[in-house]
Amino acid sequence: AEHFEFHVAYMSNLFKEKMGIGMLEYINKLRVNKSIELLLTTDYSVNSIAEKVGYLNANTYIRIFKKNMGETPNKFRSSNQI
Protein backbone atom coordinates (compact mmCIF):
# COMPACT_ATOMS: atom_id res chain seq x y z
CA ALA A 1 0.00 0.00 0.00
CA GLU A 2 2.80 2.38 0.89
CA HIS A 3 4.62 1.64 -2.36
CA PHE A 4 1.55 2.54 -4.43
CA GLU A 5 0.60 5.36 -2.06
CA PHE A 6 -2.75 3.73 -1.24
CA HIS A 7 -4.39 3.64 2.15
CA VAL A 8 -3.99 0.19 3.73
CA ALA A 9 -7.76 -0.36 3.98
CA TYR A 10 -8.23 0.56 0.32
CA MET A 11 -5.43 -1.80 -0.75
CA SER A 12 -6.90 -4.58 1.37
CA ASN A 13 -10.36 -4.12 -0.15
CA LEU A 14 -8.93 -3.99 -3.66
CA PHE A 15 -6.95 -7.19 -3.07
CA LYS A 16 -10.00 -9.01 -1.74
CA GLU A 17 -12.12 -7.82 -4.66
CA LYS A 18 -9.58 -9.05 -7.22
CA MET A 19 -8.40 -12.26 -5.51
CA GLY A 20 -11.59 -13.36 -3.76
CA ILE A 21 -9.87 -13.73 -0.38
CA GLY A 22 -8.24 -11.35 2.06
CA MET A 23 -4.52 -10.60 2.03
CA LEU A 24 -3.79 -12.32 5.33
CA GLU A 25 -5.69 -15.44 4.28
CA TYR A 26 -3.78 -15.46 0.99
CA ILE A 27 -0.44 -15.08 2.76
CA ASN A 28 -1.32 -17.83 5.22
CA LYS A 29 -2.23 -20.18 2.35
CA LEU A 30 1.13 -19.48 0.68
CA ARG A 31 2.93 -20.15 3.96
CA VAL A 32 1.02 -23.39 4.59
CA ASN A 33 1.74 -24.60 1.04
CA LYS A 34 5.46 -23.90 1.45
CA SER A 35 5.44 -25.60 4.84
CA ILE A 36 3.85 -28.71 3.29
CA GLU A 37 6.79 -28.91 0.91
CA LEU A 38 9.21 -28.64 3.85
CA LEU A 39 7.29 -31.19 5.94
CA LEU A 40 7.45 -33.73 3.12
CA THR A 41 11.00 -33.14 1.89
CA THR A 42 13.01 -32.31 5.01
CA ASP A 43 13.40 -33.46 8.56
CA TYR A 44 13.17 -29.92 9.96
CA SER A 45 11.24 -29.58 13.18
CA VAL A 46 7.81 -27.97 13.15
CA ASN A 47 9.30 -25.01 15.06
CA SER A 48 11.98 -24.59 12.42
CA ILE A 49 9.47 -24.83 9.57
CA ALA A 50 7.21 -22.28 11.26
CA GLU A 51 10.13 -19.87 11.40
CA LYS A 52 11.24 -20.59 7.81
CA VAL A 53 7.79 -19.78 6.41
CA GLY A 54 7.49 -16.56 8.38
CA TYR A 55 5.71 -17.29 11.65
CA LEU A 56 7.16 -15.83 14.81
CA ASN A 57 5.30 -18.34 16.95
CA ALA A 58 5.05 -22.07 16.21
CA ASN A 59 1.67 -22.27 17.98
CA THR A 60 0.24 -19.74 15.53
CA TYR A 61 1.62 -21.77 12.64
CA ILE A 62 0.15 -25.01 13.99
CA ARG A 63 -3.27 -23.38 14.51
CA ILE A 64 -3.33 -21.93 10.98
CA PHE A 65 -2.04 -25.17 9.45
CA LYS A 66 -4.76 -27.16 11.21
CA LYS A 67 -7.43 -24.68 10.11
CA ASN A 68 -6.33 -25.05 6.47
CA MET A 69 -5.43 -28.74 6.37
CA GLY A 70 -7.66 -30.29 9.04
CA GLU A 71 -4.77 -31.77 11.01
CA THR A 72 -1.58 -30.69 12.73
CA PRO A 73 1.70 -30.45 10.82
CA ASN A 74 3.13 -33.48 12.68
CA LYS A 75 0.08 -35.60 11.91
CA PHE A 76 0.16 -34.45 8.27
CA ARG A 77 3.84 -35.37 8.01
CA SER A 78 3.40 -38.80 9.54
CA SER A 79 0.36 -39.68 7.43
CA ASN A 80 2.04 -38.56 4.19
CA GLN A 81 5.44 -40.23 4.54
CA ILE A 82 6.54 -42.05 1.43
PDB file of N, CA and C in Angstrom:
ATOM      1  N   ALA A   1       0.837  -1.190   0.000  1.00  0.00           N
ATOM      2  CA  ALA A   1       0.000   0.000   0.000  1.00  0.00           C
ATOM      3  C   ALA A   1       0.878   1.248   0.000  1.00  0.00           C
ATOM      4  N   GLU A   2       1.915   1.220   0.818  1.00  0.00           N
ATOM      5  CA  GLU A   2       2.804   2.378   0.885  1.00  0.00           C
ATOM      6  C   GLU A   2       3.505   2.609  -0.453  1.00  0.00           C
ATOM      7  N   HIS A   3       3.930   1.538  -1.079  1.00  0.00           N
ATOM      8  CA  HIS A   3       4.625   1.636  -2.365  1.00  0.00           C
ATOM      9  C   HIS A   3       3.748   2.314  -3.422  1.00  0.00           C
ATOM     10  N   PHE A   4       2.469   1.972  -3.454  1.00  0.00           N
ATOM     11  CA  PHE A   4       1.548   2.539  -4.430  1.00  0.00           C
ATOM     12  C   PHE A   4       0.852   3.800  -3.928  1.00  0.00           C
ATOM     13  N   GLU A   5       1.185   4.193  -2.696  1.00  0.00           N
ATOM     14  CA  GLU A   5       0.595   5.362  -2.058  1.00  0.00           C
ATOM     15  C   GLU A   5      -0.918   5.224  -1.905  1.00  0.00           C
ATOM     16  N   PHE A   6      -1.351   4.006  -1.538  1.00  0.00           N
ATOM     17  CA  PHE A   6      -2.749   3.732  -1.240  1.00  0.00           C
ATOM     18  C   PHE A   6      -2.903   3.587   0.262  1.00  0.00           C
ATOM     19  N   HIS A   7      -4.079   3.904   0.755  1.00  0.00           N
ATOM     20  CA  HIS A   7      -4.391   3.640   2.154  1.00  0.00           C
ATOM     21  C   HIS A   7      -4.461   2.126   2.333  1.00  0.00           C
ATOM     22  N   VAL A   8      -4.027   1.630   3.473  1.00  0.00           N
ATOM     23  CA  VAL A   8      -3.989   0.190   3.729  1.00  0.00           C
ATOM     24  C   VAL A   8      -5.372  -0.447   3.566  1.00  0.00           C
ATOM     25  N   ALA A   9      -6.405   0.193   4.083  1.00  0.00           N
ATOM     26  CA  ALA A   9      -7.762  -0.356   3.980  1.00  0.00           C
ATOM     27  C   ALA A   9      -8.203  -0.441   2.522  1.00  0.00           C
ATOM     28  N   TYR A  10      -7.870   0.570   1.734  1.00  0.00           N
ATOM     29  CA  TYR A  10      -8.226   0.558   0.322  1.00  0.00           C
ATOM     30  C   TYR A  10      -7.506  -0.583  -0.395  1.00  0.00           C
ATOM     31  N   MET A  11      -6.219  -0.733  -0.121  1.00  0.00           N
ATOM     32  CA  MET A  11      -5.430  -1.798  -0.747  1.00  0.00           C
ATOM     33  C   MET A  11      -5.978  -3.162  -0.363  1.00  0.00           C
ATOM     34  N   SER A  12      -6.349  -3.314   0.890  1.00  0.00           N
ATOM     35  CA  SER A  12      -6.897  -4.580   1.372  1.00  0.00           C
ATOM     36  C   SER A  12      -8.211  -4.907   0.667  1.00  0.00           C
ATOM     37  N   ASN A  13      -9.077  -3.920   0.542  1.00  0.00           N
ATOM     38  CA  ASN A  13     -10.364  -4.124  -0.149  1.00  0.00           C
ATOM     39  C   ASN A  13     -10.158  -4.436  -1.624  1.00  0.00           C
ATOM     40  N   LEU A  14      -9.231  -3.758  -2.251  1.00  0.00           N
ATOM     41  CA  LEU A  14      -8.926  -3.989  -3.658  1.00  0.00           C
ATOM     42  C   LEU A  14      -8.394  -5.407  -3.870  1.00  0.00           C
ATOM     43  N   PHE A  15      -7.508  -5.833  -2.991  1.00  0.00           N
ATOM     44  CA  PHE A  15      -6.952  -7.187  -3.069  1.00  0.00           C
ATOM     45  C   PHE A  15      -8.057  -8.232  -2.949  1.00  0.00           C
ATOM     46  N   LYS A  16      -8.915  -8.055  -1.957  1.00  0.00           N
ATOM     47  CA  LYS A  16     -10.000  -9.012  -1.737  1.00  0.00           C
ATOM     48  C   LYS A  16     -10.952  -9.044  -2.931  1.00  0.00           C
ATOM     49  N   GLU A  17     -11.226  -7.898  -3.501  1.00  0.00           N
ATOM     50  CA  GLU A  17     -12.116  -7.818  -4.662  1.00  0.00           C
ATOM     51  C   GLU A  17     -11.520  -8.577  -5.850  1.00  0.00           C
ATOM     52  N   LYS A  18     -10.234  -8.428  -6.063  1.00  0.00           N
ATOM     53  CA  LYS A  18      -9.579  -9.051  -7.219  1.00  0.00           C
ATOM     54  C   LYS A  18      -9.259 -10.526  -6.997  1.00  0.00           C
ATOM     55  N   MET A  19      -8.868 -10.892  -5.778  1.00  0.00           N
ATOM     56  CA  MET A  19      -8.401 -12.261  -5.509  1.00  0.00           C
ATOM     57  C   MET A  19      -9.486 -13.166  -4.915  1.00  0.00           C
ATOM     58  N   GLY A  20     -10.520 -12.566  -4.350  1.00  0.00           N
ATOM     59  CA  GLY A  20     -11.592 -13.362  -3.763  1.00  0.00           C
ATOM     60  C   GLY A  20     -11.354 -13.767  -2.316  1.00  0.00           C
ATOM     61  N   ILE A  21     -10.175 -13.475  -1.795  1.00  0.00           N
ATOM     62  CA  ILE A  21      -9.868 -13.727  -0.375  1.00  0.00           C
ATOM     63  C   ILE A  21      -9.032 -12.566   0.144  1.00  0.00           C
ATOM     64  N   GLY A  22      -9.013 -12.413   1.449  1.00  0.00           N
ATOM     65  CA  GLY A  22      -8.242 -11.347   2.063  1.00  0.00           C
ATOM     66  C   GLY A  22      -6.743 -11.578   1.968  1.00  0.00           C
ATOM     67  N   MET A  23      -5.973 -10.508   2.132  1.00  0.00           N
ATOM     68  CA  MET A  23      -4.519 -10.603   2.031  1.00  0.00           C
ATOM     69  C   MET A  23      -3.922 -11.562   3.053  1.00  0.00           C
ATOM     70  N   LEU A  24      -4.354 -11.458   4.294  1.00  0.00           N
ATOM     71  CA  LEU A  24      -3.795 -12.319   5.332  1.00  0.00           C
ATOM     72  C   LEU A  24      -4.116 -13.779   5.052  1.00  0.00           C
ATOM     73  N   GLU A  25      -5.332 -14.071   4.622  1.00  0.00           N
ATOM     74  CA  GLU A  25      -5.693 -15.444   4.279  1.00  0.00           C
ATOM     75  C   GLU A  25      -4.840 -15.945   3.122  1.00  0.00           C
ATOM     76  N   TYR A  26      -4.619 -15.105   2.141  1.00  0.00           N
ATOM     77  CA  TYR A  26      -3.782 -15.458   0.992  1.00  0.00           C
ATOM     78  C   TYR A  26      -2.347 -15.759   1.436  1.00  0.00           C
ATOM     79  N   ILE A  27      -1.803 -14.890   2.260  1.00  0.00           N
ATOM     80  CA  ILE A  27      -0.439 -15.082   2.760  1.00  0.00           C
ATOM     81  C   ILE A  27      -0.346 -16.363   3.576  1.00  0.00           C
ATOM     82  N   ASN A  28      -1.332 -16.604   4.426  1.00  0.00           N
ATOM     83  CA  ASN A  28      -1.323 -17.833   5.222  1.00  0.00           C
ATOM     84  C   ASN A  28      -1.381 -19.072   4.342  1.00  0.00           C
ATOM     85  N   LYS A  29      -2.164 -19.039   3.270  1.00  0.00           N
ATOM     86  CA  LYS A  29      -2.227 -20.184   2.353  1.00  0.00           C
ATOM     87  C   LYS A  29      -0.877 -20.417   1.679  1.00  0.00           C
ATOM     88  N   LEU A  30      -0.207 -19.352   1.273  1.00  0.00           N
ATOM     89  CA  LEU A  30       1.126 -19.482   0.684  1.00  0.00           C
ATOM     90  C   LEU A  30       2.094 -20.106   1.686  1.00  0.00           C
ATOM     91  N   ARG A  31       2.046 -19.627   2.922  1.00  0.00           N
ATOM     92  CA  ARG A  31       2.935 -20.155   3.957  1.00  0.00           C
ATOM     93  C   ARG A  31       2.654 -21.626   4.244  1.00  0.00           C
ATOM     94  N   VAL A  32       1.384 -21.987   4.333  1.00  0.00           N
ATOM     95  CA  VAL A  32       1.024 -23.388   4.589  1.00  0.00           C
ATOM     96  C   VAL A  32       1.494 -24.260   3.427  1.00  0.00           C
ATOM     97  N   ASN A  33       1.295 -23.820   2.196  1.00  0.00           N
ATOM     98  CA  ASN A  33       1.741 -24.601   1.041  1.00  0.00           C
ATOM     99  C   ASN A  33       3.252 -24.805   1.047  1.00  0.00           C
ATOM    100  N   LYS A  34       4.002 -23.766   1.366  1.00  0.00           N
ATOM    101  CA  LYS A  34       5.458 -23.899   1.448  1.00  0.00           C
ATOM    102  C   LYS A  34       5.832 -24.835   2.593  1.00  0.00           C
ATOM    103  N   SER A  35       5.121 -24.742   3.703  1.00  0.00           N
ATOM    104  CA  SER A  35       5.436 -25.598   4.843  1.00  0.00           C
ATOM    105  C   SER A  35       5.157 -27.059   4.527  1.00  0.00           C
ATOM    106  N   ILE A  36       4.138 -27.330   3.706  1.00  0.00           N
ATOM    107  CA  ILE A  36       3.851 -28.709   3.293  1.00  0.00           C
ATOM    108  C   ILE A  36       5.050 -29.282   2.539  1.00  0.00           C
ATOM    109  N   GLU A  37       5.594 -28.484   1.650  1.00  0.00           N
ATOM    110  CA  GLU A  37       6.788 -28.908   0.906  1.00  0.00           C
ATOM    111  C   GLU A  37       7.929 -29.246   1.878  1.00  0.00           C
ATOM    112  N   LEU A  38       8.139 -28.404   2.873  1.00  0.00           N
ATOM    113  CA  LEU A  38       9.208 -28.639   3.847  1.00  0.00           C
ATOM    114  C   LEU A  38       8.915 -29.847   4.732  1.00  0.00           C
ATOM    115  N   LEU A  39       7.661 -30.025   5.113  1.00  0.00           N
ATOM    116  CA  LEU A  39       7.293 -31.189   5.936  1.00  0.00           C
ATOM    117  C   LEU A  39       7.571 -32.497   5.202  1.00  0.00           C
ATOM    118  N   LEU A  40       7.328 -32.497   3.904  1.00  0.00           N
ATOM    119  CA  LEU A  40       7.450 -33.732   3.123  1.00  0.00           C
ATOM    120  C   LEU A  40       8.858 -33.996   2.593  1.00  0.00           C
ATOM    121  N   THR A  41       9.683 -32.967   2.523  1.00  0.00           N
ATOM    122  CA  THR A  41      10.998 -33.138   1.892  1.00  0.00           C
ATOM    123  C   THR A  41      12.185 -32.917   2.817  1.00  0.00           C
ATOM    124  N   THR A  42      11.913 -32.535   4.064  1.00  0.00           N
ATOM    125  CA  THR A  42      13.015 -32.306   5.009  1.00  0.00           C
ATOM    126  C   THR A  42      12.684 -32.979   6.333  1.00  0.00           C
ATOM    127  N   ASP A  43      13.655 -32.978   7.207  1.00  0.00           N
ATOM    128  CA  ASP A  43      13.397 -33.461   8.561  1.00  0.00           C
ATOM    129  C   ASP A  43      13.443 -32.301   9.562  1.00  0.00           C
ATOM    130  N   TYR A  44      13.226 -31.081   9.074  1.00  0.00           N
ATOM    131  CA  TYR A  44      13.167 -29.915   9.958  1.00  0.00           C
ATOM    132  C   TYR A  44      12.058 -30.092  10.981  1.00  0.00           C
ATOM    133  N   SER A  45      12.278 -29.560  12.151  1.00  0.00           N
ATOM    134  CA  SER A  45      11.237 -29.584  13.182  1.00  0.00           C
ATOM    135  C   SER A  45      10.105 -28.640  12.788  1.00  0.00           C
ATOM    136  N   VAL A  46       8.959 -28.852  13.398  1.00  0.00           N
ATOM    137  CA  VAL A  46       7.812 -27.972  13.149  1.00  0.00           C
ATOM    138  C   VAL A  46       8.167 -26.541  13.544  1.00  0.00           C
ATOM    139  N   ASN A  47       8.889 -26.362  14.644  1.00  0.00           N
ATOM    140  CA  ASN A  47       9.300 -25.015  15.060  1.00  0.00           C
ATOM    141  C   ASN A  47      10.169 -24.356  13.998  1.00  0.00           C
ATOM    142  N   SER A  48      11.095 -25.113  13.445  1.00  0.00           N
ATOM    143  CA  SER A  48      11.980 -24.587  12.416  1.00  0.00           C
ATOM    144  C   SER A  48      11.204 -24.236  11.147  1.00  0.00           C
ATOM    145  N   ILE A  49      10.288 -25.094  10.753  1.00  0.00           N
ATOM    146  CA  ILE A  49       9.466 -24.826   9.566  1.00  0.00           C
ATOM    147  C   ILE A  49       8.610 -23.590   9.779  1.00  0.00           C
ATOM    148  N   ALA A  50       8.021 -23.467  10.956  1.00  0.00           N
ATOM    149  CA  ALA A  50       7.209 -22.276  11.257  1.00  0.00           C
ATOM    150  C   ALA A  50       8.032 -21.015  11.047  1.00  0.00           C
ATOM    151  N   GLU A  51       9.252 -21.027  11.540  1.00  0.00           N
ATOM    152  CA  GLU A  51      10.132 -19.870  11.399  1.00  0.00           C
ATOM    153  C   GLU A  51      10.501 -19.637   9.927  1.00  0.00           C
ATOM    154  N   LYS A  52      10.818 -20.709   9.209  1.00  0.00           N
ATOM    155  CA  LYS A  52      11.235 -20.588   7.807  1.00  0.00           C
ATOM    156  C   LYS A  52      10.132 -20.037   6.906  1.00  0.00           C
ATOM    157  N   VAL A  53       8.881 -20.294   7.239  1.00  0.00           N
ATOM    158  CA  VAL A  53       7.787 -19.781   6.408  1.00  0.00           C
ATOM    159  C   VAL A  53       7.211 -18.464   6.930  1.00  0.00           C
ATOM    160  N   GLY A  54       7.831 -17.915   7.974  1.00  0.00           N
ATOM    161  CA  GLY A  54       7.488 -16.557   8.379  1.00  0.00           C
ATOM    162  C   GLY A  54       6.657 -16.380   9.625  1.00  0.00           C
ATOM    163  N   TYR A  55       6.466 -17.436  10.402  1.00  0.00           N
ATOM    164  CA  TYR A  55       5.709 -17.293  11.648  1.00  0.00           C
ATOM    165  C   TYR A  55       6.667 -17.059  12.807  1.00  0.00           C
ATOM    166  N   LEU A  56       6.348 -16.108  13.643  1.00  0.00           N
ATOM    167  CA  LEU A  56       7.164 -15.826  14.813  1.00  0.00           C
ATOM    168  C   LEU A  56       6.885 -16.812  15.938  1.00  0.00           C
ATOM    169  N   ASN A  57       5.730 -17.443  15.887  1.00  0.00           N
ATOM    170  CA  ASN A  57       5.296 -18.335  16.948  1.00  0.00           C
ATOM    171  C   ASN A  57       4.819 -19.648  16.328  1.00  0.00           C
ATOM    172  N   ALA A  58       5.420 -20.762  16.753  1.00  0.00           N
ATOM    173  CA  ALA A  58       5.051 -22.072  16.207  1.00  0.00           C
ATOM    174  C   ALA A  58       3.597 -22.416  16.504  1.00  0.00           C
ATOM    175  N   ASN A  59       3.077 -21.980  17.646  1.00  0.00           N
ATOM    176  CA  ASN A  59       1.673 -22.271  17.977  1.00  0.00           C
ATOM    177  C   ASN A  59       0.719 -21.612  16.985  1.00  0.00           C
ATOM    178  N   THR A  60       1.051 -20.416  16.546  1.00  0.00           N
ATOM    179  CA  THR A  60       0.239 -19.738  15.535  1.00  0.00           C
ATOM    180  C   THR A  60       0.280 -20.525  14.230  1.00  0.00           C
ATOM    181  N   TYR A  61       1.469 -20.961  13.849  1.00  0.00           N
ATOM    182  CA  TYR A  61       1.622 -21.774  12.638  1.00  0.00           C
ATOM    183  C   TYR A  61       0.789 -23.054  12.719  1.00  0.00           C
ATOM    184  N   ILE A  62       0.884 -23.751  13.825  1.00  0.00           N
ATOM    185  CA  ILE A  62       0.151 -25.010  13.994  1.00  0.00           C
ATOM    186  C   ILE A  62      -1.359 -24.763  13.901  1.00  0.00           C
ATOM    187  N   ARG A  63      -1.834 -23.706  14.537  1.00  0.00           N
ATOM    188  CA  ARG A  63      -3.266 -23.376  14.508  1.00  0.00           C
ATOM    189  C   ARG A  63      -3.727 -23.079  13.084  1.00  0.00           C
ATOM    190  N   ILE A  64      -2.957 -22.297  12.350  1.00  0.00           N
ATOM    191  CA  ILE A  64      -3.332 -21.935  10.983  1.00  0.00           C
ATOM    192  C   ILE A  64      -3.217 -23.146  10.055  1.00  0.00           C
ATOM    193  N   PHE A  65      -2.191 -23.959  10.245  1.00  0.00           N
ATOM    194  CA  PHE A  65      -2.042 -25.173   9.447  1.00  0.00           C
ATOM    195  C   PHE A  65      -3.250 -26.083   9.650  1.00  0.00           C
ATOM    196  N   LYS A  66      -3.627 -26.283  10.905  1.00  0.00           N
ATOM    197  CA  LYS A  66      -4.762 -27.163  11.211  1.00  0.00           C
ATOM    198  C   LYS A  66      -6.057 -26.607  10.625  1.00  0.00           C
ATOM    199  N   LYS A  67      -6.235 -25.306  10.669  1.00  0.00           N
ATOM    200  CA  LYS A  67      -7.434 -24.680  10.108  1.00  0.00           C
ATOM    201  C   LYS A  67      -7.506 -24.931   8.601  1.00  0.00           C
ATOM    202  N   ASN A  68      -6.365 -24.869   7.920  1.00  0.00           N
ATOM    203  CA  ASN A  68      -6.327 -25.045   6.469  1.00  0.00           C
ATOM    204  C   ASN A  68      -6.304 -26.501   6.033  1.00  0.00           C
ATOM    205  N   MET A  69      -5.656 -27.356   6.809  1.00  0.00           N
ATOM    206  CA  MET A  69      -5.434 -28.742   6.369  1.00  0.00           C
ATOM    207  C   MET A  69      -6.231 -29.770   7.163  1.00  0.00           C
ATOM    208  N   GLY A  70      -6.843 -29.365   8.262  1.00  0.00           N
ATOM    209  CA  GLY A  70      -7.665 -30.288   9.040  1.00  0.00           C
ATOM    210  C   GLY A  70      -6.901 -31.172  10.000  1.00  0.00           C
ATOM    211  N   GLU A  71      -5.593 -31.007  10.077  1.00  0.00           N
ATOM    212  CA  GLU A  71      -4.771 -31.772  11.012  1.00  0.00           C
ATOM    213  C   GLU A  71      -3.498 -30.990  11.310  1.00  0.00           C
ATOM    214  N   THR A  72      -2.805 -31.391  12.357  1.00  0.00           N
ATOM    215  CA  THR A  72      -1.579 -30.687  12.735  1.00  0.00           C
ATOM    216  C   THR A  72      -0.462 -31.009  11.747  1.00  0.00           C
ATOM    217  N   PRO A  73       0.576 -30.169  11.708  1.00  0.00           N
ATOM    218  CA  PRO A  73       1.704 -30.454  10.821  1.00  0.00           C
ATOM    219  C   PRO A  73       2.347 -31.816  11.095  1.00  0.00           C
ATOM    220  N   ASN A  74       2.528 -32.182  12.364  1.00  0.00           N
ATOM    221  CA  ASN A  74       3.130 -33.483  12.683  1.00  0.00           C
ATOM    222  C   ASN A  74       2.272 -34.633  12.182  1.00  0.00           C
ATOM    223  N   LYS A  75       0.972 -34.539  12.377  1.00  0.00           N
ATOM    224  CA  LYS A  75       0.084 -35.599  11.909  1.00  0.00           C
ATOM    225  C   LYS A  75       0.108 -35.664  10.384  1.00  0.00           C
ATOM    226  N   PHE A  76       0.082 -34.497   9.732  1.00  0.00           N
ATOM    227  CA  PHE A  76       0.159 -34.446   8.274  1.00  0.00           C
ATOM    228  C   PHE A  76       1.434 -35.118   7.795  1.00  0.00           C
ATOM    229  N   ARG A  77       2.557 -34.783   8.412  1.00  0.00           N
ATOM    230  CA  ARG A  77       3.837 -35.365   8.008  1.00  0.00           C
ATOM    231  C   ARG A  77       3.826 -36.877   8.165  1.00  0.00           C
ATOM    232  N   SER A  78       3.373 -37.352   9.296  1.00  0.00           N
ATOM    233  CA  SER A  78       3.405 -38.799   9.540  1.00  0.00           C
ATOM    234  C   SER A  78       2.439 -39.562   8.634  1.00  0.00           C
ATOM    235  N   SER A  79       1.329 -38.966   8.280  1.00  0.00           N
ATOM    236  CA  SER A  79       0.364 -39.676   7.430  1.00  0.00           C
ATOM    237  C   SER A  79       0.691 -39.559   5.943  1.00  0.00           C
ATOM    238  N   ASN A  80       1.675 -38.735   5.596  1.00  0.00           N
ATOM    239  CA  ASN A  80       2.045 -38.557   4.187  1.00  0.00           C
ATOM    240  C   ASN A  80       3.484 -38.953   3.899  1.00  0.00           C
ATOM    241  N   GLN A  81       4.080 -39.738   4.770  1.00  0.00           N
ATOM    242  CA  GLN A  81       5.437 -40.226   4.544  1.00  0.00           C
ATOM    243  C   GLN A  81       5.427 -41.235   3.399  1.00  0.00           C
ATOM    244  N   ILE A  82       6.440 -41.146   2.577  1.00  0.00           N
ATOM    245  CA  ILE A  82       6.541 -42.054   1.431  1.00  0.00           C
ATOM    246  C   ILE A  82       7.230 -43.340   1.849  1.00  0.00           C
TER     247      ILE A  82
END
